[in-house]
Amino acid sequence: MPWIPDSPRRRAPLPWLRRGTDPSGWGYADVPRLTGLTAVLTGGSSGVGLALAEQLAAREAHVVLVARGADETESAARQLCRRATPRHVSAVPVDLADLDDIGTAAGRIGELTDGRVDILVNNAGVAALSPTCTPSGFEAHFAVNHLGHYALTGHLMPALLRTPAPRVVTVSSVLHWLGRLDPVTPHRPARYHRWGAYFASKAANLLFTHGLDTWARAARVPLTAVSAHPGLVHTSLGSRALRESGRHAEARLLEHLQRRWHSPTEAALPILRASTDPTAQAGDFFGPGGYLELSGPAVHVRAAPSTASAAAADRLWQLSKQLTGVAYPAAPPAPHKPELSTGP
């Protein structure tokens, strides 16, 4: 079986060489109408997130874009408003590395949505950063890609539980297979590698979905926690990080390779399925069904066995609660919101 490195000193296998578990594809024609539903989307100001937001808004959902930078977020909202009814699009800036800012943003989201959120898509992320810590002293990939979304989801849980069928989608990566999450101090790893830190945060995304589903079952709330990954997509995320760290030659090489990857619109499809497919079940993981899960129709895919560990998910859950100070409530939903429709 082929091997590729996830850090200079360690190699990991590629078990995802097998095809996805779902032989049938799922396309844009299968996306239901979302009239009356509210979808909150992090990282929706560019790339895959913006493509996803366009699809949600086109199907009449009220879309709340949550992204870093007020100007960029408002610009994305204006772009969506040119293609959708203006009342269906709102914008909330947030820095997912700042726990206080996350709480403030959650309050603003509550005001814009009348305290009701049907779909939350945890999509924002950073990649390949130089060693960076947040104001709280946490490693940046783990803080933004995981802790920020754990905290935001917790703050929005009351709004989610006011709808009859709330859904939380957390976006991982096909490269989560290469992730090695420090079991004790993932927020302050003993050794650092820019891509290793990213891979570990993507493994944490899947463990979070596992932990969220466990919490929902224990709390007896009708929340569906699912995951998705977009495959490899032509966006500026990786090349921008390389340029910011001064690695311009690597950025140019990556941009050249990305021309062979699929577009943000195509890459958004697995996330769109995770967000809207009425048949999705708690714990489902969606991704592209093509070669190496790099592109193709949205299908069920396999996750690394390490991300299915109940013990690892519980450790991460308890640590996240401790680091963020966010405890998840348990409250019954108020069943008066339209559910996802299977109509055209």
C-alpha atoms as a PDB file:
ATOM      1  CA  MET A   1       0.000   0.000   0.000  1.00  0.00           C
ATOM      2  CA  PRO A   2       1.383   3.475  -0.836  1.00  0.00           C
ATOM      3  CA  TRP A   3       2.793   5.662   1.915  1.00  0.00           C
ATOM      4  CA  ILE A   4       3.226   9.426   2.073  1.00  0.00           C
ATOM      5  CA  PRO A   5       4.618  11.628   4.859  1.00  0.00           C
ATOM      6  CA  ASP A   6       2.551  13.730   7.233  1.00  0.00           C
ATOM      7  CA  SER A   7       5.649  15.066   8.964  1.00  0.00           C
ATOM      8  CA  PRO A   8       9.399  14.959   8.302  1.00  0.00           C
ATOM      9  CA  ARG A   9       9.855  12.079  10.787  1.00  0.00           C
ATOM     10  CA  ARG A  10       6.763   9.954  10.418  1.00  0.00           C
ATOM     11  CA  ARG A  11       4.860   8.291   7.639  1.00  0.00           C
ATOM     12  CA  ALA A  12       1.262   7.147   7.537  1.00  0.00           C
ATOM     13  CA  PRO A  13      -0.620   4.792   5.202  1.00  0.00           C
ATOM     14  CA  LEU A  14      -3.444   5.784   2.897  1.00  0.00           C
ATOM     15  CA  PRO A  15      -6.294   3.430   3.848  1.00  0.00           C
ATOM     16  CA  TRP A  16      -8.845   5.509   1.907  1.00  0.00           C
ATOM     17  CA  LEU A  17      -7.638   4.020  -1.395  1.00  0.00           C
ATOM     18  CA  ARG A  18     -10.863   2.000  -1.268  1.00  0.00           C
ATOM     19  CA  ARG A  19     -13.904   3.617  -2.848  1.00  0.00           C
ATOM     20  CA  GLY A  20     -16.682   5.121  -0.765  1.00  0.00           C
ATOM     21  CA  THR A  21     -19.326   2.897   0.761  1.00  0.00           C
ATOM     22  CA  ASP A  22     -22.178   4.401  -1.265  1.00  0.00           C
ATOM     23  CA  PRO A  23     -22.141   3.374  -4.966  1.00  0.00           C
ATOM     24  CA  SER A  24     -24.829   5.893  -5.929  1.00  0.00           C
ATOM     25  CA  GLY A  25     -24.044   9.546  -6.476  1.00  0.00           C
ATOM     26  CA  TRP A  26     -25.988  12.525  -5.173  1.00  0.00           C
ATOM     27  CA  GLY A  27     -26.150  15.687  -7.228  1.00  0.00           C
ATOM     28  CA  TYR A  28     -27.534  19.200  -7.178  1.00  0.00           C
ATOM     29  CA  ALA A  29     -30.855  17.948  -8.545  1.00  0.00           C
ATOM     30  CA  ASP A  30     -31.297  16.047  -5.275  1.00  0.00           C
ATOM     31  CA  VAL A  31     -31.009  19.122  -3.042  1.00  0.00           C
ATOM     32  CA  PRO A  32     -34.399  19.855  -1.410  1.00  0.00           C
ATOM     33  CA  ARG A  33     -36.082  23.218  -1.011  1.00  0.00           C
ATOM     34  CA  LEU A  34     -35.104  24.909   2.239  1.00  0.00           C
ATOM     35  CA  THR A  35     -37.868  27.489   2.508  1.00  0.00           C
ATOM     36  CA  GLY A  36     -38.288  28.642   6.095  1.00  0.00           C
ATOM     37  CA  LEU A  37     -35.035  27.111   7.319  1.00  0.00           C
ATOM     38  CA  THR A  38     -32.051  29.006   8.708  1.00  0.00           C
ATOM     39  CA  ALA A  39     -28.511  27.876   7.899  1.00  0.00           C
ATOM     40  CA  VAL A  40     -25.464  29.290   9.683  1.00  0.00           C
ATOM     41  CA  LEU A  41     -22.203  28.764   7.831  1.00  0.00           C
ATOM     42  CA  THR A  42     -18.680  29.530   9.023  1.00  0.00           C
ATOM     43  CA  GLY A  43     -16.033  30.312   6.444  1.00  0.00           C
ATOM     44  CA  GLY A  44     -18.685  31.330   3.951  1.00  0.00           C
ATOM     45  CA  SER A  45     -16.953  34.365   2.482  1.00  0.00           C
ATOM     46  CA  SER A  46     -14.878  32.547  -0.148  1.00  0.00           C
ATOM     47  CA  GLY A  47     -14.047  29.220  -1.766  1.00  0.00           C
ATOM     48  CA  VAL A  48     -16.100  26.149  -0.924  1.00  0.00           C
ATOM     49  CA  GLY A  49     -17.979  27.989   1.817  1.00  0.00           C
ATOM     50  CA  LEU A  50     -19.205  30.693  -0.541  1.00  0.00           C
ATOM     51  CA  ALA A  51     -20.202  28.095  -3.142  1.00  0.00           C
ATOM     52  CA  LEU A  52     -22.157  26.244  -0.457  1.00  0.00           C
ATOM     53  CA  ALA A  53     -23.821  29.458   0.707  1.00  0.00           C
ATOM     54  CA  GLU A  54     -24.933  30.194  -2.859  1.00  0.00           C
ATOM     55  CA  GLN A  55     -26.633  26.804  -3.099  1.00  0.00           C
ATOM     56  CA  LEU A  56     -28.363  27.155   0.265  1.00  0.00           C
ATOM     57  CA  ALA A  57     -29.604  30.657  -0.553  1.00  0.00           C
ATOM     58  CA  ALA A  58     -30.780  29.563  -4.006  1.00  0.00           C
ATOM     59  CA  ARG A  59     -33.032  27.045  -2.282  1.00  0.00           C
ATOM     60  CA  GLU A  60     -34.562  29.801  -0.149  1.00  0.00           C
ATOM     61  CA  ALA A  61     -32.808  29.186   3.151  1.00  0.00           C
ATOM     62  CA  HIS A  62     -31.964  32.181   5.301  1.00  0.00           C
ATOM     63  CA  VAL A  63     -28.165  31.997   5.162  1.00  0.00           C
ATOM     64  CA  VAL A  64     -26.012  33.577   7.860  1.00  0.00           C
ATOM     65  CA  LEU A  65     -22.408  33.951   6.721  1.00  0.00           C
ATOM     66  CA  VAL A  66     -19.950  33.796   9.617  1.00  0.00           C
ATOM     67  CA  ALA A  67     -16.367  34.571   8.648  1.00  0.00           C
ATOM     68  CA  ARG A  68     -13.284  36.459   9.721  1.00  0.00           C
ATOM     69  CA  GLY A  69     -13.111  40.083   8.623  1.00  0.00           C
ATOM     70  CA  ALA A  70     -16.141  42.351   8.525  1.00  0.00           C
ATOM     71  CA  ASP A  71     -15.386  43.773   5.070  1.00  0.00           C
ATOM     72  CA  GLU A  72     -14.844  40.374   3.448  1.00  0.00           C
ATOM     73  CA  THR A  73     -17.937  38.899   5.086  1.00  0.00           C
ATOM     74  CA  GLU A  74     -20.165  41.823   4.080  1.00  0.00           C
ATOM     75  CA  SER A  75     -18.789  41.688   0.529  1.00  0.00           C
ATOM     76  CA  ALA A  76     -19.681  37.994   0.272  1.00  0.00           C
ATOM     77  CA  ALA A  77     -23.173  38.722   1.609  1.00  0.00           C
ATOM     78  CA  ARG A  78     -23.680  41.426  -1.023  1.00  0.00           C
ATOM     79  CA  GLN A  79     -22.552  38.995  -3.709  1.00  0.00           C
ATOM     80  CA  LEU A  80     -25.121  36.460  -2.524  1.00  0.00           C
ATOM     81  CA  CYS A  81     -27.836  39.108  -2.376  1.00  0.00           C
ATOM     82  CA  ARG A  82     -27.401  39.684  -6.098  1.00  0.00           C
ATOM     83  CA  ARG A  83     -28.419  36.053  -6.624  1.00  0.00           C
ATOM     84  CA  ALA A  84     -30.953  35.571  -3.827  1.00  0.00           C
ATOM     85  CA  THR A  85     -33.639  37.479  -1.983  1.00  0.00           C
ATOM     86  CA  PRO A  86     -31.753  39.983   0.227  1.00  0.00           C
ATOM     87  CA  ARG A  87     -33.713  38.997   3.322  1.00  0.00           C
ATOM     88  CA  HIS A  88     -32.291  35.486   2.935  1.00  0.00           C
ATOM     89  CA  VAL A  89     -28.669  36.550   3.550  1.00  0.00           C
ATOM     90  CA  SER A  90     -27.030  37.969   6.680  1.00  0.00           C
ATOM     91  CA  ALA A  91     -23.393  38.436   7.694  1.00  0.00           C
ATOM     92  CA  VAL A  92     -21.639  38.136  11.054  1.00  0.00           C
ATOM     93  CA  PRO A  93     -17.867  38.626  11.375  1.00  0.00           C
ATOM     94  CA  VAL A  94     -16.042  36.422  13.873  1.00  0.00           C
ATOM     95  CA  ASP A  95     -12.514  35.444  14.808  1.00  0.00           C
ATOM     96  CA  LEU A  96     -12.676  31.740  15.645  1.00  0.00           C
ATOM     97  CA  ALA A  97      -9.342  32.042  17.446  1.00  0.00           C
ATOM     98  CA  ASP A  98     -10.922  34.426  19.985  1.00  0.00           C
ATOM     99  CA  LEU A  99     -13.304  32.757  22.435  1.00  0.00           C
ATOM    100  CA  ASP A 100     -14.804  36.073  23.557  1.00  0.00           C
ATOM    101  CA  ASP A 101     -15.484  37.088  19.964  1.00  0.00           C
ATOM    102  CA  ILE A 102     -17.199  33.750  19.348  1.00  0.00           C
ATOM    103  CA  GLY A 103     -19.612  34.422  22.204  1.00  0.00           C
ATOM    104  CA  THR A 104     -20.364  37.885  20.840  1.00  0.00           C
ATOM    105  CA  ALA A 105     -20.932  36.525  17.336  1.00  0.00           C
ATOM    106  CA  ALA A 106     -23.277  33.839  18.662  1.00  0.00           C
ATOM    107  CA  GLY A 107     -25.371  36.545  20.312  1.00  0.00           C
ATOM    108  CA  ARG A 108     -25.556  38.457  17.051  1.00  0.00           C
ATOM    109  CA  ILE A 109     -26.560  35.296  15.180  1.00  0.00           C
ATOM    110  CA  GLY A 110     -29.350  34.769  17.699  1.00  0.00           C
ATOM    111  CA  GLU A 111     -30.661  38.264  17.004  1.00  0.00           C
ATOM    112  CA  LEU A 112     -30.616  37.750  13.224  1.00  0.00           C
ATOM    113  CA  THR A 113     -32.331  34.359  13.367  1.00  0.00           C
ATOM    114  CA  ASP A 114     -34.917  35.015  16.090  1.00  0.00           C
ATOM    115  CA  GLY A 115     -33.068  32.465  18.176  1.00  0.00           C
ATOM    116  CA  ARG A 116     -33.686  29.552  15.789  1.00  0.00           C
ATOM    117  CA  VAL A 117     -31.035  27.734  13.743  1.00  0.00           C
ATOM    118  CA  ASP A 118     -31.901  24.653  11.680  1.00  0.00           C
ATOM    119  CA  ILE A 119     -28.511  23.921  10.106  1.00  0.00           C
ATOM    120  CA  LEU A 120     -25.036  24.811  11.371  1.00  0.00           C
ATOM    121  CA  VAL A 121     -22.104  24.140   9.049  1.00  0.00           C
ATOM    122  CA  ASN A 122     -18.698  24.311  10.726  1.00  0.00           C
ATOM    123  CA  ASN A 123     -16.658  24.925   7.593  1.00  0.00           C
ATOM    124  CA  ALA A 124     -14.050  27.603   8.365  1.00  0.00           C
ATOM    125  CA  GLY A 125     -10.435  26.596   8.717  1.00  0.00           C
ATOM    126  CA  VAL A 126      -6.769  27.488   8.502  1.00  0.00           C
ATOM    127  CA  ALA A 127      -3.971  25.375   7.041  1.00  0.00           C
ATOM    128  CA  ALA A 128      -0.185  25.101   6.957  1.00  0.00           C
ATOM    129  CA  LEU A 129       0.496  28.009   9.304  1.00  0.00           C
ATOM    130  CA  SER A 130       3.872  28.763  10.792  1.00  0.00           C
ATOM    131  CA  PRO A 131       3.950  28.015  14.545  1.00  0.00           C
ATOM    132  CA  THR A 132       1.222  30.303  15.861  1.00  0.00           C
ATOM    133  CA  CYS A 133      -0.663  30.555  19.135  1.00  0.00           C
ATOM    134  CA  THR A 134      -4.025  32.185  19.786  1.00  0.00           C
ATOM    135  CA  PRO A 135      -4.535  34.825  22.514  1.00  0.00           C
ATOM    136  CA  SER A 136      -5.464  31.931  24.826  1.00  0.00           C
ATOM    137  CA  GLY A 137      -2.142  30.224  24.113  1.00  0.00           C
ATOM    138  CA  PHE A 138      -3.531  27.402  21.967  1.00  0.00           C
ATOM    139  CA  GLU A 139      -1.968  26.061  18.764  1.00  0.00           C
ATOM    140  CA  ALA A 140      -3.764  27.877  15.944  1.00  0.00           C
ATOM    141  CA  HIS A 141      -4.954  24.954  13.785  1.00  0.00           C
ATOM    142  CA  PHE A 142      -6.459  23.148  16.768  1.00  0.00           C
ATOM    143  CA  ALA A 143      -7.921  26.386  18.129  1.00  0.00           C
ATOM    144  CA  VAL A 144      -9.572  27.642  14.938  1.00  0.00           C
ATOM    145  CA  ASN A 145     -10.483  24.390  13.199  1.00  0.00           C
ATOM    146  CA  HIS A 146     -11.736  22.584  16.305  1.00  0.00           C
ATOM    147  CA  LEU A 147     -12.048  24.621  19.507  1.00  0.00           C
ATOM    148  CA  GLY A 148     -13.663  27.593  17.785  1.00  0.00           C
ATOM    149  CA  HIS A 149     -16.339  25.384  16.288  1.00  0.00           C
ATOM    150  CA  TYR A 150     -16.870  23.477  19.529  1.00  0.00           C
ATOM    151  CA  ALA A 151     -17.475  26.813  21.273  1.00  0.00           C
ATOM    152  CA  LEU A 152     -19.699  28.275  18.543  1.00  0.00           C
ATOM    153  CA  THR A 153     -21.806  25.114  18.378  1.00  0.00           C
ATOM    154  CA  GLY A 154     -22.233  25.179  22.145  1.00  0.00           C
ATOM    155  CA  HIS A 155     -23.274  28.835  22.165  1.00  0.00           C
ATOM    156  CA  LEU A 156     -25.789  28.169  19.369  1.00  0.00           C
ATOM    157  CA  MET A 157     -27.172  24.965  20.881  1.00  0.00           C
ATOM    158  CA  PRO A 158     -30.235  26.673  22.451  1.00  0.00           C
ATOM    159  CA  ALA A 159     -31.113  28.091  19.014  1.00  0.00           C
ATOM    160  CA  LEU A 160     -30.575  24.707  17.378  1.00  0.00           C
ATOM    161  CA  LEU A 161     -32.777  22.967  19.922  1.00  0.00           C
ATOM    162  CA  ARG A 162     -35.657  25.346  19.188  1.00  0.00           C
ATOM    163  CA  THR A 163     -36.088  23.620  15.823  1.00  0.00           C
ATOM    164  CA  PRO A 164     -37.534  20.137  15.320  1.00  0.00           C
ATOM    165  CA  ALA A 165     -34.679  18.563  13.364  1.00  0.00           C
ATOM    166  CA  PRO A 166     -31.452  20.514  13.992  1.00  0.00           C
ATOM    167  CA  ARG A 167     -28.362  19.448  12.111  1.00  0.00           C
ATOM    168  CA  VAL A 168     -24.678  20.202  12.719  1.00  0.00           C
ATOM    169  CA  VAL A 169     -22.246  19.546   9.871  1.00  0.00           C
ATOM    170  CA  THR A 170     -18.530  19.660  10.618  1.00  0.00           C
ATOM    171  CA  VAL A 171     -16.190  19.814   7.639  1.00  0.00           C
ATOM    172  CA  SER A 172     -13.086  17.644   7.829  1.00  0.00           C
ATOM    173  CA  SER A 173     -10.614  16.623   5.106  1.00  0.00           C
ATOM    174  CA  VAL A 174      -9.697  13.448   3.262  1.00  0.00           C
ATOM    175  CA  LEU A 175      -6.269  14.039   4.792  1.00  0.00           C
ATOM    176  CA  HIS A 176      -7.617  13.398   8.288  1.00  0.00           C
ATOM    177  CA  TRP A 177      -6.248   9.871   7.754  1.00  0.00           C
ATOM    178  CA  LEU A 178      -2.792  11.372   8.289  1.00  0.00           C
ATOM    179  CA  GLY A 179      -3.766  13.155  11.503  1.00  0.00           C
ATOM    180  CA  ARG A 180      -2.090  12.218  14.765  1.00  0.00           C
ATOM    181  CA  LEU A 181      -3.799  14.099  17.576  1.00  0.00           C
ATOM    182  CA  ASP A 182      -1.787  14.441  20.790  1.00  0.00           C
ATOM    183  CA  PRO A 183      -3.955  12.535  23.302  1.00  0.00           C
ATOM    184  CA  VAL A 184      -2.951  14.755  26.242  1.00  0.00           C
ATOM    185  CA  THR A 185      -2.157  18.258  24.983  1.00  0.00           C
ATOM    186  CA  PRO A 186      -3.439  18.632  21.396  1.00  0.00           C
ATOM    187  CA  HIS A 187      -3.708  22.378  22.019  1.00  0.00           C
ATOM    188  CA  ARG A 188       0.034  22.527  22.793  1.00  0.00           C
ATOM    189  CA  PRO A 189       1.735  19.702  20.879  1.00  0.00           C
ATOM    190  CA  ALA A 190       5.271  18.785  21.880  1.00  0.00           C
ATOM    191  CA  ARG A 191       6.435  18.758  18.258  1.00  0.00           C
ATOM    192  CA  TYR A 192       5.117  20.966  15.481  1.00  0.00           C
ATOM    193  CA  HIS A 193       4.811  20.504  11.746  1.00  0.00           C
ATOM    194  CA  ARG A 194       2.584  22.857   9.777  1.00  0.00           C
ATOM    195  CA  TRP A 195       0.786  20.143   7.821  1.00  0.00           C
ATOM    196  CA  GLY A 196       0.823  17.677  10.685  1.00  0.00           C
ATOM    197  CA  ALA A 197      -1.010  20.248  12.809  1.00  0.00           C
ATOM    198  CA  TYR A 198      -3.604  20.712  10.073  1.00  0.00           C
ATOM    199  CA  PHE A 199      -4.125  16.962   9.639  1.00  0.00           C
ATOM    200  CA  ALA A 200      -4.552  16.557  13.401  1.00  0.00           C
ATOM    201  CA  SER A 201      -7.188  19.294  13.503  1.00  0.00           C
ATOM    202  CA  LYS A 202      -9.118  17.527  10.741  1.00  0.00           C
ATOM    203  CA  ALA A 203      -9.078  14.307  12.762  1.00  0.00           C
ATOM    204  CA  ALA A 204     -10.371  16.365  15.691  1.00  0.00           C
ATOM    205  CA  ASN A 205     -13.302  17.498  13.518  1.00  0.00           C
ATOM    206  CA  LEU A 206     -14.474  13.900  13.144  1.00  0.00           C
ATOM    207  CA  LEU A 207     -13.958  13.144  16.821  1.00  0.00           C
ATOM    208  CA  PHE A 208     -16.051  16.230  17.586  1.00  0.00           C
ATOM    209  CA  THR A 209     -18.910  14.896  15.462  1.00  0.00           C
ATOM    210  CA  HIS A 210     -18.656  11.601  17.334  1.00  0.00           C
ATOM    211  CA  GLY A 211     -18.684  13.417  20.675  1.00  0.00           C
ATOM    212  CA  LEU A 212     -21.576  15.659  19.647  1.00  0.00           C
ATOM    213  CA  ASP A 213     -23.661  12.657  18.627  1.00  0.00           C
ATOM    214  CA  THR A 214     -22.873  10.967  21.953  1.00  0.00           C
ATOM    215  CA  TRP A 215     -23.930  14.106  23.831  1.00  0.00           C
ATOM    216  CA  ALA A 216     -27.167  14.422  21.819  1.00  0.00           C
ATOM    217  CA  ARG A 217     -28.131  10.821  22.516  1.00  0.00           C
ATOM    218  CA  ALA A 218     -27.399  11.177  26.223  1.00  0.00           C
ATOM    219  CA  ALA A 219     -29.344  14.455  26.385  1.00  0.00           C
ATOM    220  CA  ARG A 220     -32.171  12.891  24.345  1.00  0.00           C
ATOM    221  CA  VAL A 221     -32.315  15.767  21.890  1.00  0.00           C
ATOM    222  CA  PRO A 222     -33.142  15.224  18.182  1.00  0.00           C
ATOM    223  CA  LEU A 223     -29.905  16.698  16.847  1.00  0.00           C
ATOM    224  CA  THR A 224     -28.193  15.083  13.857  1.00  0.00           C
ATOM    225  CA  ALA A 225     -24.387  15.421  13.859  1.00  0.00           C
ATOM    226  CA  VAL A 226     -22.693  14.577  10.561  1.00  0.00           C
ATOM    227  CA  SER A 227     -19.401  15.267   8.790  1.00  0.00           C
ATOM    228  CA  ALA A 228     -18.222  15.880   5.247  1.00  0.00           C
ATOM    229  CA  HIS A 229     -15.079  16.584   3.315  1.00  0.00           C
ATOM    230  CA  PRO A 230     -14.759  18.348  -0.058  1.00  0.00           C
ATOM    231  CA  GLY A 231     -11.910  16.320  -1.566  1.00  0.00           C
ATOM    232  CA  LEU A 232      -9.118  18.389  -3.057  1.00  0.00           C
ATOM    233  CA  VAL A 233     -10.327  21.727  -4.272  1.00  0.00           C
ATOM    234  CA  HIS A 234      -8.886  24.655  -6.159  1.00  0.00           C
ATOM    235  CA  THR A 235      -9.009  27.407  -3.507  1.00  0.00           C
ATOM    236  CA  SER A 236      -6.511  29.858  -2.058  1.00  0.00           C
ATOM    237  CA  LEU A 237      -6.390  28.288   1.435  1.00  0.00           C
ATOM    238  CA  GLY A 238      -3.133  26.341   1.131  1.00  0.00           C
ATOM    239  CA  SER A 239      -1.290  28.642  -1.273  1.00  0.00           C
ATOM    240  CA  ARG A 240      -2.205  31.726   0.756  1.00  0.00           C
ATOM    241  CA  ALA A 241      -0.805  30.130   3.912  1.00  0.00           C
ATOM    242  CA  LEU A 242       2.427  29.258   2.100  1.00  0.00           C
ATOM    243  CA  ARG A 243       2.815  32.790   0.740  1.00  0.00           C
ATOM    244  CA  GLU A 244       2.180  34.308   4.160  1.00  0.00           C
ATOM    245  CA  SER A 245       5.016  32.179   5.539  1.00  0.00           C
ATOM    246  CA  GLY A 246       7.362  33.262   2.736  1.00  0.00           C
ATOM    247  CA  ARG A 247       7.305  29.951   0.836  1.00  0.00           C
ATOM    248  CA  HIS A 248       6.488  31.455  -2.551  1.00  0.00           C
ATOM    249  CA  ALA A 249       7.943  28.678  -4.724  1.00  0.00           C
ATOM    250  CA  GLU A 250       5.857  26.065  -2.922  1.00  0.00           C
ATOM    251  CA  ALA A 251       2.786  28.286  -3.268  1.00  0.00           C
ATOM    252  CA  ARG A 252       3.298  28.542  -7.045  1.00  0.00           C
ATOM    253  CA  LEU A 253       3.715  24.754  -7.300  1.00  0.00           C
ATOM    254  CA  LEU A 254       0.545  24.174  -5.291  1.00  0.00           C
ATOM    255  CA  GLU A 255      -1.400  26.618  -7.453  1.00  0.00           C
ATOM    256  CA  HIS A 256      -0.216  24.742 -10.551  1.00  0.00           C
ATOM    257  CA  LEU A 257      -1.285  21.371  -9.127  1.00  0.00           C
ATOM    258  CA  GLN A 258      -4.649  22.765  -8.038  1.00  0.00           C
ATOM    259  CA  ARG A 259      -5.636  23.344 -11.639  1.00  0.00           C
ATOM    260  CA  ARG A 260      -6.250  19.591 -11.827  1.00  0.00           C
ATOM    261  CA  TRP A 261      -8.487  19.609  -8.747  1.00  0.00           C
ATOM    262  CA  HIS A 262     -12.199  20.257  -8.833  1.00  0.00           C
ATOM    263  CA  SER A 263     -13.880  23.625  -8.421  1.00  0.00           C
ATOM    264  CA  PRO A 264     -15.379  25.041  -5.201  1.00  0.00           C
ATOM    265  CA  THR A 265     -18.866  24.474  -6.636  1.00  0.00           C
ATOM    266  CA  GLU A 266     -18.130  20.787  -7.214  1.00  0.00           C
ATOM    267  CA  ALA A 267     -16.342  20.455  -3.876  1.00  0.00           C
ATOM    268  CA  ALA A 268     -19.307  21.917  -1.998  1.00  0.00           C
ATOM    269  CA  LEU A 269     -21.578  19.036  -3.015  1.00  0.00           C
ATOM    270  CA  PRO A 270     -20.655  16.558  -0.210  1.00  0.00           C
ATOM    271  CA  ILE A 271     -21.111  19.319   2.368  1.00  0.00           C
ATOM    272  CA  LEU A 272     -24.412  20.295   0.769  1.00  0.00           C
ATOM    273  CA  ARG A 273     -25.574  16.693   0.992  1.00  0.00           C
ATOM    274  CA  ALA A 274     -24.542  16.488   4.640  1.00  0.00           C
ATOM    275  CA  SER A 275     -26.478  19.699   5.278  1.00  0.00           C
ATOM    276  CA  THR A 276     -29.690  18.924   3.424  1.00  0.00           C
ATOM    277  CA  ASP A 277     -30.169  15.236   2.590  1.00  0.00           C
ATOM    278  CA  PRO A 278     -33.318  14.223   4.521  1.00  0.00           C
ATOM    279  CA  THR A 279     -32.062  10.629   4.693  1.00  0.00           C
ATOM    280  CA  ALA A 280     -28.759  11.501   6.406  1.00  0.00           C
ATOM    281  CA  GLN A 281     -28.231   9.733   9.715  1.00  0.00           C
ATOM    282  CA  ALA A 282     -26.257  10.782  12.787  1.00  0.00           C
ATOM    283  CA  GLY A 283     -22.581   9.978  12.312  1.00  0.00           C
ATOM    284  CA  ASP A 284     -22.711   9.888   8.501  1.00  0.00           C
ATOM    285  CA  PHE A 285     -19.584  11.046   6.675  1.00  0.00           C
ATOM    286  CA  PHE A 286     -19.882  12.324   3.099  1.00  0.00           C
ATOM    287  CA  GLY A 287     -17.191  12.977   0.522  1.00  0.00           C
ATOM    288  CA  PRO A 288     -16.455  12.727  -3.212  1.00  0.00           C
ATOM    289  CA  GLY A 289     -16.909   9.250  -4.673  1.00  0.00           C
ATOM    290  CA  GLY A 290     -14.125   9.392  -7.251  1.00  0.00           C
ATOM    291  CA  TYR A 291     -10.518   8.186  -7.214  1.00  0.00           C
ATOM    292  CA  LEU A 292      -8.907   8.668  -3.785  1.00  0.00           C
ATOM    293  CA  GLU A 293     -12.007  10.666  -2.808  1.00  0.00           C
ATOM    294  CA  LEU A 294     -10.429  13.684  -4.486  1.00  0.00           C
ATOM    295  CA  SER A 295     -13.458  14.536  -6.626  1.00  0.00           C
ATOM    296  CA  GLY A 296     -16.716  13.050  -7.816  1.00  0.00           C
ATOM    297  CA  PRO A 297     -20.354  12.766  -6.714  1.00  0.00           C
ATOM    298  CA  ALA A 298     -21.300  13.069  -3.052  1.00  0.00           C
ATOM    299  CA  VAL A 299     -21.341   9.624  -1.413  1.00  0.00           C
ATOM    300  CA  HIS A 300     -20.926   8.027   1.998  1.00  0.00           C
ATOM    301  CA  VAL A 301     -17.205   7.593   2.720  1.00  0.00           C
ATOM    302  CA  ARG A 302     -15.150   5.921   5.421  1.00  0.00           C
ATOM    303  CA  ALA A 303     -13.402   7.702   8.258  1.00  0.00           C
ATOM    304  CA  ALA A 304     -10.130   6.641   9.848  1.00  0.00           C
ATOM    305  CA  PRO A 305     -10.769   4.079  12.620  1.00  0.00           C
ATOM    306  CA  SER A 306      -8.992   6.317  15.126  1.00  0.00           C
ATOM    307  CA  THR A 307     -11.737   8.931  14.716  1.00  0.00           C
ATOM    308  CA  ALA A 308     -14.400   6.391  15.704  1.00  0.00           C
ATOM    309  CA  SER A 309     -12.897   5.832  19.157  1.00  0.00           C
ATOM    310  CA  ALA A 310     -15.460   6.632  21.849  1.00  0.00           C
ATOM    311  CA  ALA A 311     -12.686   7.073  24.405  1.00  0.00           C
ATOM    312  CA  ALA A 312     -10.760   9.507  22.197  1.00  0.00           C
ATOM    313  CA  ALA A 313     -13.930  11.449  21.409  1.00  0.00           C
ATOM    314  CA  ASP A 314     -14.779  11.728  25.103  1.00  0.00           C
ATOM    315  CA  ARG A 315     -11.247  12.890  25.999  1.00  0.00           C
ATOM    316  CA  LEU A 316     -11.420  15.573  23.322  1.00  0.00           C
ATOM    317  CA  TRP A 317     -14.908  16.608  24.421  1.00  0.00           C
ATOM    318  CA  GLN A 318     -13.900  17.016  28.053  1.00  0.00           C
ATOM    319  CA  LEU A 319     -10.710  18.867  27.132  1.00  0.00           C
ATOM    320  CA  SER A 320     -12.617  21.196  24.788  1.00  0.00           C
ATOM    321  CA  LYS A 321     -15.115  21.950  27.534  1.00  0.00           C
ATOM    322  CA  GLN A 322     -12.266  22.738  29.923  1.00  0.00           C
ATOM    323  CA  LEU A 323     -10.317  24.922  27.477  1.00  0.00           C
ATOM    324  CA  THR A 324     -13.279  26.935  26.181  1.00  0.00           C
ATOM    325  CA  GLY A 325     -15.435  27.077  29.297  1.00  0.00           C
ATOM    326  CA  VAL A 326     -18.433  26.212  27.108  1.00  0.00           C
ATOM    327  CA  ALA A 327     -20.781  23.555  28.492  1.00  0.00           C
ATOM    328  CA  TYR A 328     -23.535  22.205  26.291  1.00  0.00           C
ATOM    329  CA  PRO A 329     -27.106  22.608  27.571  1.00  0.00           C
ATOM    330  CA  ALA A 330     -29.855  20.037  27.312  1.00  0.00           C
ATOM    331  CA  ALA A 331     -33.256  21.473  26.447  1.00  0.00           C
ATOM    332  CA  PRO A 332     -36.277  20.104  24.581  1.00  0.00           C
ATOM    333  CA  PRO A 333     -36.942  21.516  21.109  1.00  0.00           C
ATOM    334  CA  ALA A 334     -40.011  23.525  20.156  1.00  0.00           C
ATOM    335  CA  PRO A 335     -41.394  21.645  17.110  1.00  0.00           C
ATOM    336  CA  HIS A 336     -42.859  24.462  15.034  1.00  0.00           C
ATOM    337  CA  LYS A 337     -40.278  24.945  12.265  1.00  0.00           C
ATOM    338  CA  PRO A 338     -40.557  23.496   8.718  1.00  0.00           C
ATOM    339  CA  GLU A 339     -38.458  20.383   8.180  1.00  0.00           C
ATOM    340  CA  LEU A 340     -36.237  19.616   5.193  1.00  0.00           C
ATOM    341  CA  SER A 341     -38.416  18.828   2.195  1.00  0.00           C
ATOM    342  CA  THR A 342     -37.820  16.172  -0.416  1.00  0.00           C
ATOM    343  CA  GLY A 343     -39.599  18.225  -3.065  1.00  0.00           C
ATOM    344  CA  PRO A 344     -37.898  19.701  -6.132  1.00  0.00           C
END
